[in-house]
PDB file of N, CA and C in Angstrom:
ATOM      1  N   UNK A   1      -5.075 -21.412   9.371  1.00  0.00           N
ATOM      2  CA  UNK A   1      -4.088 -20.105   9.482  1.00  0.00           C
ATOM      3  C   UNK A   1      -4.321 -19.287   7.882  1.00  0.00           C
ATOM      4  N   UNK A   2      -4.529 -18.194   8.178  1.00  0.00           N
ATOM      5  CA  UNK A   2      -4.375 -17.621   6.875  1.00  0.00           C
ATOM      6  C   UNK A   2      -3.114 -17.506   6.100  1.00  0.00           C
ATOM      7  N   UNK A   3      -3.473 -17.354   4.533  1.00  0.00           N
ATOM      8  CA  UNK A   3      -2.694 -17.754   3.841  1.00  0.00           C
ATOM      9  C   UNK A   3      -1.787 -15.661   3.777  1.00  0.00           C
ATOM     10  N   UNK A   4      -0.741 -15.848   3.103  1.00  0.00           N
ATOM     11  CA  UNK A   4       0.069 -14.828   2.808  1.00  0.00           C
ATOM     12  C   UNK A   4      -0.744 -14.396   1.558  1.00  0.00           C
ATOM     13  N   UNK A   5      -0.731 -13.008   1.392  1.00  0.00           N
ATOM     14  CA  UNK A   5      -0.926 -12.537  -0.071  1.00  0.00           C
ATOM     15  C   UNK A   5      -0.013 -11.615  -0.187  1.00  0.00           C
ATOM     16  N   UNK A   6       0.658 -11.955  -0.985  1.00  0.00           N
ATOM     17  CA  UNK A   6       1.855 -10.624  -1.559  1.00  0.00           C
ATOM     18  C   UNK A   6       1.113  -9.794  -2.481  1.00  0.00           C
ATOM     19  N   UNK A   7       1.989  -8.475  -2.656  1.00  0.00           N
ATOM     20  CA  UNK A   7       1.250  -7.247  -3.679  1.00  0.00           C
ATOM     21  C   UNK A   7       2.113  -7.313  -4.904  1.00  0.00           C
ATOM     22  N   UNK A   8       1.549  -7.575  -5.722  1.00  0.00           N
ATOM     23  CA  UNK A   8       2.296  -7.143  -6.967  1.00  0.00           C
ATOM     24  C   UNK A   8       1.885  -6.148  -7.928  1.00  0.00           C
ATOM     25  N   UNK A   9       1.072  -5.032  -7.004  1.00  0.00           N
ATOM     26  CA  UNK A   9       0.989  -3.638  -7.779  1.00  0.00           C
ATOM     27  C   UNK A   9       0.584  -2.512  -6.997  1.00  0.00           C
ATOM     28  N   UNK A  10       0.846  -1.616  -7.481  1.00  0.00           N
ATOM     29  CA  UNK A  10       0.335  -0.597  -6.198  1.00  0.00           C
ATOM     30  C   UNK A  10       0.381   0.758  -7.215  1.00  0.00           C
ATOM     31  N   UNK A  11      -0.853   1.852  -6.795  1.00  0.00           N
ATOM     32  CA  UNK A  11      -1.020   2.864  -7.235  1.00  0.00           C
ATOM     33  C   UNK A  11      -1.738   3.641  -6.575  1.00  0.00           C
ATOM     34  N   UNK A  12      -1.323   5.025  -6.588  1.00  0.00           N
ATOM     35  CA  UNK A  12      -1.724   6.217  -5.703  1.00  0.00           C
ATOM     36  C   UNK A  12      -2.970   6.597  -6.530  1.00  0.00           C
ATOM     37  N   UNK A  13      -3.941   7.122  -5.326  1.00  0.00           N
ATOM     38  CA  UNK A  13      -4.757   7.367  -6.116  1.00  0.00           C
ATOM     39  C   UNK A  13      -5.698   8.825  -5.978  1.00  0.00           C
ATOM     40  N   UNK A  14      -5.501   8.849  -4.467  1.00  0.00           N
ATOM     41  CA  UNK A  14      -5.288  10.577  -3.727  1.00  0.00           C
ATOM     42  C   UNK A  14      -4.825  10.177  -2.919  1.00  0.00           C
ATOM     43  N   UNK A  15      -4.719  11.464  -1.982  1.00  0.00           N
ATOM     44  CA  UNK A  15      -3.960  11.813  -0.494  1.00  0.00           C
ATOM     45  C   UNK A  15      -3.702  10.480   0.064  1.00  0.00           C
ATOM     46  N   UNK A  16      -3.021   9.842   0.068  1.00  0.00           N
ATOM     47  CA  UNK A  16      -2.683   9.015   0.706  1.00  0.00           C
ATOM     48  C   UNK A  16      -3.412   7.051   0.833  1.00  0.00           C
ATOM     49  N   UNK A  17      -4.340   7.555   0.078  1.00  0.00           N
ATOM     50  CA  UNK A  17      -4.931   6.361  -0.461  1.00  0.00           C
ATOM     51  C   UNK A  17      -4.349   5.719  -1.691  1.00  0.00           C
ATOM     52  N   UNK A  18      -4.200   4.537  -1.074  1.00  0.00           N
ATOM     53  CA  UNK A  18      -3.261   3.618  -2.438  1.00  0.00           C
ATOM     54  C   UNK A  18      -4.541   2.263  -2.471  1.00  0.00           C
ATOM     55  N   UNK A  19      -4.124   1.964  -4.294  1.00  0.00           N
ATOM     56  CA  UNK A  19      -4.641   1.063  -4.951  1.00  0.00           C
ATOM     57  C   UNK A  19      -3.697  -0.179  -4.756  1.00  0.00           C
ATOM     58  N   UNK A  20      -4.578  -1.555  -4.324  1.00  0.00           N
ATOM     59  CA  UNK A  20      -3.440  -2.653  -3.914  1.00  0.00           C
ATOM     60  C   UNK A  20      -3.514  -3.558  -4.650  1.00  0.00           C
ATOM     61  N   UNK A  21      -2.837  -4.256  -5.683  1.00  0.00           N
ATOM     62  CA  UNK A  21      -3.286  -5.535  -6.268  1.00  0.00           C
ATOM     63  C   UNK A  21      -2.771  -6.696  -5.634  1.00  0.00           C
ATOM     64  N   UNK A  22      -3.057  -7.479  -5.278  1.00  0.00           N
ATOM     65  CA  UNK A  22      -2.389  -8.663  -4.781  1.00  0.00           C
ATOM     66  C   UNK A  22      -2.307 -10.035  -5.585  1.00  0.00           C
ATOM     67  N   UNK A  23      -1.567 -11.030  -5.636  1.00  0.00           N
ATOM     68  CA  UNK A  23      -1.278 -11.905  -6.483  1.00  0.00           C
ATOM     69  C   UNK A  23      -1.838 -12.537  -6.184  1.00  0.00           C
ATOM     70  N   UNK A  24      -3.518 -12.968  -5.972  1.00  0.00           N
ATOM     71  CA  UNK A  24      -4.643 -13.686  -6.337  1.00  0.00           C
ATOM     72  C   UNK A  24      -5.723 -12.760  -7.563  1.00  0.00           C
ATOM     73  N   UNK A  25      -5.092 -11.517  -7.696  1.00  0.00           N
ATOM     74  CA  UNK A  25      -5.872 -11.256  -8.601  1.00  0.00           C
ATOM     75  C   UNK A  25      -6.958  -9.946  -7.668  1.00  0.00           C
ATOM     76  N   UNK A  26      -6.661 -10.370  -6.515  1.00  0.00           N
ATOM     77  CA  UNK A  26      -7.959  -8.909  -5.868  1.00  0.00           C
ATOM     78  C   UNK A  26      -7.438  -7.452  -5.905  1.00  0.00           C
ATOM     79  N   UNK A  27      -8.062  -6.634  -6.242  1.00  0.00           N
ATOM     80  CA  UNK A  27      -7.629  -5.219  -6.160  1.00  0.00           C
ATOM     81  C   UNK A  27      -8.593  -4.808  -5.093  1.00  0.00           C
ATOM     82  N   UNK A  28      -7.271  -3.731  -3.929  1.00  0.00           N
ATOM     83  CA  UNK A  28      -8.108  -3.848  -2.558  1.00  0.00           C
ATOM     84  C   UNK A  28      -7.787  -1.746  -2.512  1.00  0.00           C
ATOM     85  N   UNK A  29      -8.757  -1.354  -1.935  1.00  0.00           N
ATOM     86  CA  UNK A  29      -8.068   0.513  -1.316  1.00  0.00           C
ATOM     87  C   UNK A  29      -7.933   0.059  -0.141  1.00  0.00           C
ATOM     88  N   UNK A  30      -7.025   1.023   0.264  1.00  0.00           N
ATOM     89  CA  UNK A  30      -6.573   1.399   1.454  1.00  0.00           C
ATOM     90  C   UNK A  30      -5.843   2.920   1.896  1.00  0.00           C
ATOM     91  N   UNK A  31      -6.683   3.568   2.893  1.00  0.00           N
ATOM     92  CA  UNK A  31      -6.069   4.665   3.103  1.00  0.00           C
ATOM     93  C   UNK A  31      -4.950   4.909   4.781  1.00  0.00           C
ATOM     94  N   UNK A  32      -3.696   5.197   3.803  1.00  0.00           N
ATOM     95  CA  UNK A  32      -2.558   5.059   4.859  1.00  0.00           C
ATOM     96  C   UNK A  32      -2.189   5.765   5.402  1.00  0.00           C
ATOM     97  N   UNK A  33      -2.897   6.904   6.053  1.00  0.00           N
ATOM     98  CA  UNK A  33      -2.522   8.434   6.366  1.00  0.00           C
ATOM     99  C   UNK A  33      -2.684   7.579   7.570  1.00  0.00           C
ATOM    100  N   UNK A  34      -3.713   6.591   8.250  1.00  0.00           N
ATOM    101  CA  UNK A  34      -3.488   6.686   9.471  1.00  0.00           C
ATOM    102  C   UNK A  34      -2.042   5.577  10.437  1.00  0.00           C
ATOM    103  N   UNK A  35      -1.586   4.933   9.512  1.00  0.00           N
ATOM    104  CA  UNK A  35      -0.834   4.101   9.646  1.00  0.00           C
ATOM    105  C   UNK A  35       0.681   4.989   9.623  1.00  0.00           C
ATOM    106  N   UNK A  36       0.648   6.184   8.398  1.00  0.00           N
ATOM    107  CA  UNK A  36       2.056   6.640   8.913  1.00  0.00           C
ATOM    108  C   UNK A  36       2.374   6.571  10.150  1.00  0.00           C
ATOM    109  N   UNK A  37       2.834   6.278  11.130  1.00  0.00           N
ATOM    110  CA  UNK A  37       3.489   7.111  12.448  1.00  0.00           C
ATOM    111  C   UNK A  37       4.582   6.208  12.524  1.00  0.00           C
ATOM    112  N   UNK A  38       6.085   6.952  13.347  1.00  0.00           N
ATOM    113  CA  UNK A  38       6.685   6.498  13.530  1.00  0.00           C
ATOM    114  C   UNK A  38       7.965   6.703  13.032  1.00  0.00           C
ATOM    115  N   UNK A  39       8.963   7.024  13.090  1.00  0.00           N
ATOM    116  CA  UNK A  39      10.311   8.053  12.624  1.00  0.00           C
ATOM    117  C   UNK A  39      10.841   7.341  11.072  1.00  0.00           C
ATOM    118  N   UNK A  40      10.328   5.837  10.444  1.00  0.00           N
ATOM    119  CA  UNK A  40      10.258   5.599   9.031  1.00  0.00           C
ATOM    120  C   UNK A  40       9.254   6.165   8.434  1.00  0.00           C
ATOM    121  N   UNK A  41       7.837   6.142   8.639  1.00  0.00           N
ATOM    122  CA  UNK A  41       6.871   6.750   8.237  1.00  0.00           C
ATOM    123  C   UNK A  41       6.443   8.245   7.959  1.00  0.00           C
ATOM    124  N   UNK A  42       7.055   9.189   9.612  1.00  0.00           N
ATOM    125  CA  UNK A  42       6.945  10.294   9.166  1.00  0.00           C
ATOM    126  C   UNK A  42       7.393  11.021   8.174  1.00  0.00           C
ATOM    127  N   UNK A  43       8.442  10.756   7.176  1.00  0.00           N
ATOM    128  CA  UNK A  43       8.694  11.700   6.180  1.00  0.00           C
ATOM    129  C   UNK A  43       7.802  11.446   5.011  1.00  0.00           C
ATOM    130  N   UNK A  44       7.429  10.537   5.006  1.00  0.00           N
ATOM    131  CA  UNK A  44       6.308  10.274   3.811  1.00  0.00           C
ATOM    132  C   UNK A  44       4.602  10.593   4.538  1.00  0.00           C
ATOM    133  N   UNK A  45       4.311  11.285   5.979  1.00  0.00           N
ATOM    134  CA  UNK A  45       3.730  12.077   6.191  1.00  0.00           C
ATOM    135  C   UNK A  45       3.936  13.799   5.348  1.00  0.00           C
ATOM    136  N   UNK A  46       4.957  13.874   5.634  1.00  0.00           N
ATOM    137  CA  UNK A  46       5.110  14.943   5.269  1.00  0.00           C
ATOM    138  C   UNK A  46       5.528  15.802   3.958  1.00  0.00           C
ATOM    139  N   UNK A  47       6.143  14.386   3.271  1.00  0.00           N
ATOM    140  CA  UNK A  47       6.497  15.020   1.698  1.00  0.00           C
ATOM    141  C   UNK A  47       5.818  13.919   0.760  1.00  0.00           C
ATOM    142  N   UNK A  48       4.374  14.530   0.459  1.00  0.00           N
ATOM    143  CA  UNK A  48       3.316  13.956  -0.030  1.00  0.00           C
ATOM    144  C   UNK A  48       4.244  13.635  -1.981  1.00  0.00           C
ATOM    145  N   UNK A  49       5.235  14.142  -2.111  1.00  0.00           N
ATOM    146  CA  UNK A  49       5.784  13.562  -3.236  1.00  0.00           C
ATOM    147  C   UNK A  49       6.699  12.403  -3.270  1.00  0.00           C
ATOM    148  N   UNK A  50       7.097  12.515  -1.869  1.00  0.00           N
ATOM    149  CA  UNK A  50       7.947  10.957  -1.440  1.00  0.00           C
ATOM    150  C   UNK A  50       6.582  10.457  -1.118  1.00  0.00           C
ATOM    151  N   UNK A  51       5.811  10.380  -1.046  1.00  0.00           N
ATOM    152  CA  UNK A  51       4.899   9.240  -0.443  1.00  0.00           C
ATOM    153  C   UNK A  51       4.275   8.643  -1.932  1.00  0.00           C
ATOM    154  N   UNK A  52       4.200   9.724  -2.946  1.00  0.00           N
ATOM    155  CA  UNK A  52       3.758   8.883  -4.394  1.00  0.00           C
ATOM    156  C   UNK A  52       4.679   8.439  -5.254  1.00  0.00           C
ATOM    157  N   UNK A  53       6.124   8.057  -4.516  1.00  0.00           N
ATOM    158  CA  UNK A  53       7.359   6.940  -5.258  1.00  0.00           C
ATOM    159  C   UNK A  53       7.064   5.636  -4.663  1.00  0.00           C
ATOM    160  N   UNK A  54       6.009   5.592  -3.525  1.00  0.00           N
ATOM    161  CA  UNK A  54       5.708   3.634  -3.284  1.00  0.00           C
ATOM    162  C   UNK A  54       5.687   3.374  -4.745  1.00  0.00           C
ATOM    163  N   UNK A  55       6.188   1.698  -4.688  1.00  0.00           N
ATOM    164  CA  UNK A  55       5.951   1.025  -5.326  1.00  0.00           C
ATOM    165  C   UNK A  55       5.866  -1.097  -5.165  1.00  0.00           C
ATOM    166  N   UNK A  56       5.458  -1.390  -6.092  1.00  0.00           N
ATOM    167  CA  UNK A  56       5.414  -2.789  -5.765  1.00  0.00           C
ATOM    168  C   UNK A  56       6.591  -3.336  -5.627  1.00  0.00           C
ATOM    169  N   UNK A  57       7.388  -4.306  -4.476  1.00  0.00           N
ATOM    170  CA  UNK A  57       8.743  -4.951  -4.407  1.00  0.00           C
ATOM    171  C   UNK A  57       7.998  -6.403  -4.800  1.00  0.00           C
ATOM    172  N   UNK A  58       8.148  -7.196  -5.648  1.00  0.00           N
ATOM    173  CA  UNK A  58       7.535  -8.089  -5.763  1.00  0.00           C
ATOM    174  C   UNK A  58       8.097  -9.297  -4.671  1.00  0.00           C
ATOM    175  N   UNK A  59       9.792  -9.090  -5.245  1.00  0.00           N
ATOM    176  CA  UNK A  59      10.357 -10.018  -3.980  1.00  0.00           C
ATOM    177  C   UNK A  59       9.860 -10.038  -2.506  1.00  0.00           C
ATOM    178  N   UNK A  60       9.962  -8.844  -2.069  1.00  0.00           N
ATOM    179  CA  UNK A  60       9.676  -8.897  -0.674  1.00  0.00           C
ATOM    180  C   UNK A  60       8.226  -9.046  -0.634  1.00  0.00           C
ATOM    181  N   UNK A  61       6.763  -8.876  -1.574  1.00  0.00           N
ATOM    182  CA  UNK A  61       5.584  -9.182  -1.534  1.00  0.00           C
ATOM    183  C   UNK A  61       4.853  -8.118  -1.069  1.00  0.00           C
ATOM    184  N   UNK A  62       5.722  -6.513  -0.862  1.00  0.00           N
ATOM    185  CA  UNK A  62       4.920  -5.635  -0.317  1.00  0.00           C
ATOM    186  C   UNK A  62       5.057  -4.593  -1.136  1.00  0.00           C
ATOM    187  N   UNK A  63       5.132  -3.043  -0.359  1.00  0.00           N
ATOM    188  CA  UNK A  63       5.121  -2.082  -0.961  1.00  0.00           C
ATOM    189  C   UNK A  63       6.225  -1.510  -0.295  1.00  0.00           C
ATOM    190  N   UNK A  64       6.998  -0.632  -1.135  1.00  0.00           N
ATOM    191  CA  UNK A  64       8.299   0.112  -0.291  1.00  0.00           C
ATOM    192  C   UNK A  64       8.574   1.506  -0.779  1.00  0.00           C
ATOM    193  N   UNK A  65       8.966   2.371  -0.240  1.00  0.00           N
ATOM    194  CA  UNK A  65       9.722   3.810  -0.219  1.00  0.00           C
ATOM    195  C   UNK A  65      10.927   3.941  -0.411  1.00  0.00           C
ATOM    196  N   UNK A  66      11.644   4.773  -1.442  1.00  0.00           N
ATOM    197  CA  UNK A  66      12.964   5.114  -1.528  1.00  0.00           C
ATOM    198  C   UNK A  66      13.422   5.186   0.412  1.00  0.00           C
ATOM    199  N   UNK A  67      13.142   5.487   0.935  1.00  0.00           N
ATOM    200  CA  UNK A  67      13.965   5.731   2.243  1.00  0.00           C
ATOM    201  C   UNK A  67      13.684   4.790   3.426  1.00  0.00           C
ATOM    202  N   UNK A  68      13.198   3.444   2.550  1.00  0.00           N
ATOM    203  CA  UNK A  68      12.842   2.174   3.310  1.00  0.00           C
ATOM    204  C   UNK A  68      12.219   1.580   3.797  1.00  0.00           C
ATOM    205  N   UNK A  69      10.862   2.405   4.163  1.00  0.00           N
ATOM    206  CA  UNK A  69       9.699   2.344   5.000  1.00  0.00           C
ATOM    207  C   UNK A  69       8.984   0.973   4.254  1.00  0.00           C
ATOM    208  N   UNK A  70       8.421   0.655   4.351  1.00  0.00           N
ATOM    209  CA  UNK A  70       6.995  -0.699   4.073  1.00  0.00           C
ATOM    210  C   UNK A  70       6.127  -0.939   5.256  1.00  0.00           C
ATOM    211  N   UNK A  71       5.563  -1.954   4.309  1.00  0.00           N
ATOM    212  CA  UNK A  71       4.523  -2.600   5.358  1.00  0.00           C
ATOM    213  C   UNK A  71       4.344  -3.880   5.196  1.00  0.00           C
ATOM    214  N   UNK A  72       3.533  -4.757   6.299  1.00  0.00           N
ATOM    215  CA  UNK A  72       3.753  -6.166   6.144  1.00  0.00           C
ATOM    216  C   UNK A  72       2.667  -6.536   4.691  1.00  0.00           C
ATOM    217  N   UNK A  73       2.375  -7.660   4.224  1.00  0.00           N
ATOM    218  CA  UNK A  73       1.764  -7.971   3.225  1.00  0.00           C
ATOM    219  C   UNK A  73       0.589  -8.251   3.853  1.00  0.00           C
ATOM    220  N   UNK A  74       0.466  -8.748   5.191  1.00  0.00           N
ATOM    221  CA  UNK A  74      -0.456  -9.498   6.037  1.00  0.00           C
ATOM    222  C   UNK A  74      -1.781  -7.699   6.456  1.00  0.00           C
ATOM    223  N   UNK A  75      -0.762  -6.805   6.911  1.00  0.00           N
ATOM    224  CA  UNK A  75      -1.543  -5.777   6.996  1.00  0.00           C
ATOM    225  C   UNK A  75      -1.966  -5.081   6.302  1.00  0.00           C
ATOM    226  N   UNK A  76      -1.629  -4.826   5.296  1.00  0.00           N
ATOM    227  CA  UNK A  76      -2.031  -4.498   3.754  1.00  0.00           C
ATOM    228  C   UNK A  76      -3.092  -4.895   3.348  1.00  0.00           C
ATOM    229  N   UNK A  77      -3.189  -6.186   3.626  1.00  0.00           N
ATOM    230  CA  UNK A  77      -4.476  -7.366   2.787  1.00  0.00           C
ATOM    231  C   UNK A  77      -5.560  -6.813   3.789  1.00  0.00           C
ATOM    232  N   UNK A  78      -5.286  -6.995   5.083  1.00  0.00           N
ATOM    233  CA  UNK A  78      -6.403  -7.065   6.403  1.00  0.00           C
ATOM    234  C   UNK A  78      -6.927  -6.052   6.297  1.00  0.00           C
ATOM    235  N   UNK A  79      -6.290  -4.976   6.593  1.00  0.00           N
ATOM    236  CA  UNK A  79      -6.498  -3.381   6.724  1.00  0.00           C
ATOM    237  C   UNK A  79      -7.456  -3.012   5.376  1.00  0.00           C
ATOM    238  N   UNK A  80      -7.146  -3.426   4.218  1.00  0.00           N
ATOM    239  CA  UNK A  80      -7.741  -2.358   3.198  1.00  0.00           C
ATOM    240  C   UNK A  80      -8.981  -3.274   3.106  1.00  0.00           C
ATOM    241  N   UNK A  81      -9.916  -2.607   1.689  1.00  0.00           N
ATOM    242  CA  UNK A  81     -10.999  -2.959   1.528  1.00  0.00           C
ATOM    243  C   UNK A  81     -11.476  -2.918  -0.096  1.00  0.00           C
ATOM    244  N   UNK A  82     -12.287  -4.093  -0.303  1.00  0.00           N
ATOM    245  CA  UNK A  82     -12.799  -3.885  -1.706  1.00  0.00           C
ATOM    246  C   UNK A  82     -12.396  -2.990  -2.603  1.00  0.00           C
ATOM    247  N   UNK A  83     -11.789  -3.054  -3.716  1.00  0.00           N
ATOM    248  CA  UNK A  83     -12.303  -1.617  -4.974  1.00  0.00           C
ATOM    249  C   UNK A  83     -13.151  -1.663  -5.224  1.00  0.00           C
ATOM    250  N   UNK A  84     -14.270  -0.378  -5.314  1.00  0.00           N
ATOM    251  CA  UNK A  84     -15.517  -0.471  -6.055  1.00  0.00           C
ATOM    252  C   UNK A  84     -15.398  -0.095  -7.534  1.00  0.00           C
ATOM    253  N   UNK A  85     -16.192  -1.200  -7.744  1.00  0.00           N
ATOM    254  CA  UNK A  85     -15.868  -0.380  -9.790  1.00  0.00           C
ATOM    255  C   UNK A  85     -15.990   0.873  -9.657  1.00  0.00           C
ATOM    256  N   UNK A  86     -15.544   1.656 -11.172  1.00  0.00           N
ATOM    257  CA  UNK A  86     -16.210   3.160 -11.022  1.00  0.00           C
ATOM    258  C   UNK A  86     -17.218   2.859 -12.097  1.00  0.00           C
ATOM    259  N   UNK A  87     -18.074   3.864 -11.780  1.00  0.00           N
ATOM    260  CA  UNK A  87     -19.311   3.006 -13.416  1.00  0.00           C
ATOM    261  C   UNK A  87     -19.174   4.088 -14.381  1.00  0.00           C
ATOM    262  N   UNK A  88     -19.156   3.100 -15.911  1.00  0.00           N
ATOM    263  CA  UNK A  88     -19.130   3.742 -17.016  1.00  0.00           C
ATOM    264  C   UNK A  88     -19.951   4.431 -17.628  1.00  0.00           C
TER     265      UNK A  88
END
């Protein structure tokens, strides 16, 4: 069984795309727009300013919003892709 990887940091990169830092030091990118479905996520889809208020909750090991929305760390890890370093 795969071990759980907690989220320790989050940064909004562009519309509904976030950069996630995991406790392993891995940095991954995820487009959350397709996942913003259902009553708790609909306000995030309709109000981008609310979406940008996402933060990492180290106690829960995931990302959360002021309205109580969150995702499981496992979902975030499995659906995200490795961040591609920017050319300097």
